[in-house]
Amino acid sequence: MVVRKSTEGTKKRETAGIVIREKRSAITGKQPKAGPDLRKELTSQLDHLRIEGRQICEAYLANLDADIAMLVDFLEDSSDVKTSAARKMNTLKAWANTLDGLNTKPAKGRRKDLRRLDEAIRTMMKSAFG
């Protein structure tokens, strides 16, 4: 077995011609050992993951709110000369069908509900703004 240091923060271990990369700890830069140090390292990484998850959710929600605000502005803008009344009416009917078909259960906090919301908003954005 041959162990070589890599410049990418990983170690390459060659065993019978197979290269295995071992990830080093992002915090200490060393390969974590089993025991209390590993537990401390994992706890730290999970805490960081929790913070990142919250930041991602906040950014996602802000983007979702901005898209919905744009759709509301599209609805309220009746002086749009580019869009004919018939086309706008067809767009609004399509939106109504999309929203009627939306089946979410917010109390359950399911990821697939977020995906459904995102798909519905994306569909409406495409129909409104091309």
Protein backbone atom coordinates (compact mmCIF):
# COMPACT_ATOMS: atom_id res chain seq x y z
CA MET A 1 0.00 0.00 0.00
CA VAL A 2 1.32 3.45 -1.00
CA VAL A 3 0.05 6.64 0.64
CA ARG A 4 0.63 9.94 -1.18
CA LYS A 5 -0.33 13.43 -0.12
CA SER A 6 -2.41 15.40 -2.57
CA THR A 7 -2.63 19.17 -2.94
CA GLU A 8 -6.44 18.97 -2.73
CA GLY A 9 -6.58 18.27 1.01
CA THR A 10 -7.02 14.55 0.47
CA LYS A 11 -4.76 11.55 0.74
CA LYS A 12 -4.53 9.07 -2.08
CA ARG A 13 -4.09 5.50 -1.01
CA GLU A 14 -3.18 3.00 -3.70
CA THR A 15 -3.97 -0.61 -2.96
CA ALA A 16 -3.56 -3.12 -5.75
CA GLY A 17 -3.79 -0.37 -8.33
CA ILE A 18 -7.00 1.15 -6.88
CA VAL A 19 -6.79 4.77 -5.78
CA ILE A 20 -8.86 5.62 -2.70
CA ARG A 21 -9.22 9.24 -1.64
CA GLU A 22 -9.56 9.92 2.05
CA LYS A 23 -11.08 13.27 2.90
CA ARG A 24 -9.38 15.33 5.56
CA SER A 25 -11.22 17.32 8.15
CA ALA A 26 -12.20 20.79 6.94
CA ILE A 27 -11.45 22.30 10.34
CA THR A 28 -8.22 20.65 11.47
CA GLY A 29 -6.82 19.64 8.09
CA LYS A 30 -6.03 16.18 9.47
CA GLN A 31 -7.63 12.81 8.98
CA PRO A 32 -10.08 12.44 11.90
CA LYS A 33 -9.36 9.61 14.33
CA ALA A 34 -12.01 7.47 15.97
CA GLY A 35 -13.09 8.47 19.44
CA PRO A 36 -13.91 11.78 21.11
CA ASP A 37 -12.07 13.85 18.49
CA LEU A 38 -14.19 12.34 15.73
CA ARG A 39 -17.37 12.96 17.70
CA LYS A 40 -16.38 16.57 18.34
CA GLU A 41 -15.54 17.04 14.66
CA LEU A 42 -18.84 15.51 13.52
CA THR A 43 -20.80 17.60 16.02
CA SER A 44 -19.11 20.73 14.73
CA GLN A 45 -19.83 19.79 11.10
CA LEU A 46 -23.48 19.00 11.89
CA ASP A 47 -23.87 22.36 13.66
CA HIS A 48 -22.42 24.05 10.59
CA LEU A 49 -24.79 22.04 8.39
CA ARG A 50 -27.75 23.19 10.48
CA ILE A 51 -26.75 26.84 10.04
CA GLU A 52 -26.23 26.40 6.30
CA GLY A 53 -29.62 24.69 5.99
CA ARG A 54 -31.33 27.62 7.67
CA GLN A 55 -29.51 30.11 5.43
CA ILE A 56 -30.51 28.14 2.33
CA CYS A 57 -34.14 28.05 3.48
CA GLU A 58 -34.15 31.81 4.11
CA ALA A 59 -32.67 32.55 0.68
CA TYR A 60 -35.09 30.13 -0.99
CA LEU A 61 -38.06 31.74 0.74
CA ALA A 62 -36.87 35.22 -0.24
CA ASN A 63 -36.58 34.13 -3.89
CA LEU A 64 -40.02 32.51 -3.75
CA ASP A 65 -41.53 35.68 -2.29
CA ALA A 66 -39.89 37.81 -4.99
CA ASP A 67 -41.28 35.57 -7.74
CA ILE A 68 -44.78 35.69 -6.25
CA ALA A 69 -44.53 39.48 -5.99
CA MET A 70 -43.62 39.63 -9.69
CA LEU A 71 -46.65 37.49 -10.53
CA VAL A 72 -48.92 39.75 -8.46
CA ASP A 73 -47.49 42.79 -10.27
CA PHE A 74 -48.21 41.08 -13.59
CA LEU A 75 -51.83 40.56 -12.51
CA GLU A 76 -52.26 44.15 -11.37
CA ASP A 77 -50.62 45.65 -14.46
CA SER A 78 -53.56 46.20 -16.78
CA SER A 79 -51.77 48.75 -18.97
CA ASP A 80 -49.46 46.18 -20.62
CA VAL A 81 -49.55 47.01 -24.32
CA LYS A 82 -47.42 44.04 -25.38
CA THR A 83 -49.93 41.47 -24.19
CA SER A 84 -53.34 41.28 -25.79
CA ALA A 85 -56.40 40.89 -23.61
CA ALA A 86 -57.17 37.43 -25.02
CA ARG A 87 -53.64 36.18 -24.37
CA LYS A 88 -53.67 37.58 -20.85
CA MET A 89 -57.05 35.90 -20.20
CA ASN A 90 -55.66 32.55 -21.40
CA THR A 91 -52.64 33.02 -19.14
CA LEU A 92 -54.87 33.75 -16.16
CA LYS A 93 -57.01 30.67 -16.84
CA ALA A 94 -53.86 28.54 -17.00
CA TRP A 95 -52.73 30.02 -13.69
CA ALA A 96 -56.10 29.22 -12.11
CA ASN A 97 -55.79 25.60 -13.28
CA THR A 98 -52.25 25.40 -11.95
CA LEU A 99 -53.23 26.77 -8.55
CA ASP A 100 -56.38 24.62 -8.35
CA GLY A 101 -54.29 21.53 -9.04
CA LEU A 102 -51.79 22.40 -6.35
CA ASN A 103 -52.16 19.93 -3.50
CA THR A 104 -49.99 20.84 -0.52
CA LYS A 105 -50.15 20.14 3.18
CA PRO A 106 -48.09 22.86 4.90
CA ALA A 107 -48.56 21.39 8.37
CA LYS A 108 -46.60 18.30 7.34
CA GLY A 109 -43.55 20.29 6.20
CA ARG A 110 -42.88 18.02 3.23
CA ARG A 111 -40.10 18.75 0.74
CA LYS A 112 -42.30 17.58 -2.09
CA ASP A 113 -44.74 20.39 -1.23
CA LEU A 114 -41.91 22.90 -1.70
CA ARG A 115 -41.10 21.24 -5.01
CA ARG A 116 -44.75 21.51 -6.08
CA LEU A 117 -44.86 25.19 -5.12
CA ASP A 118 -41.64 25.83 -7.00
CA GLU A 119 -42.92 24.05 -10.12
CA ALA A 120 -46.22 25.95 -10.03
CA ILE A 121 -44.50 29.32 -9.66
CA ARG A 122 -41.98 28.46 -12.36
CA THR A 123 -44.81 27.50 -14.74
CA MET A 124 -46.63 30.75 -14.07
CA MET A 125 -43.43 32.81 -14.48
CA LYS A 126 -42.79 31.19 -17.86
CA SER A 127 -46.30 31.89 -19.06
CA ALA A 128 -46.14 35.51 -17.85
CA PHE A 129 -42.66 36.51 -18.88
CA GLY A 130 -41.73 33.96 -21.52
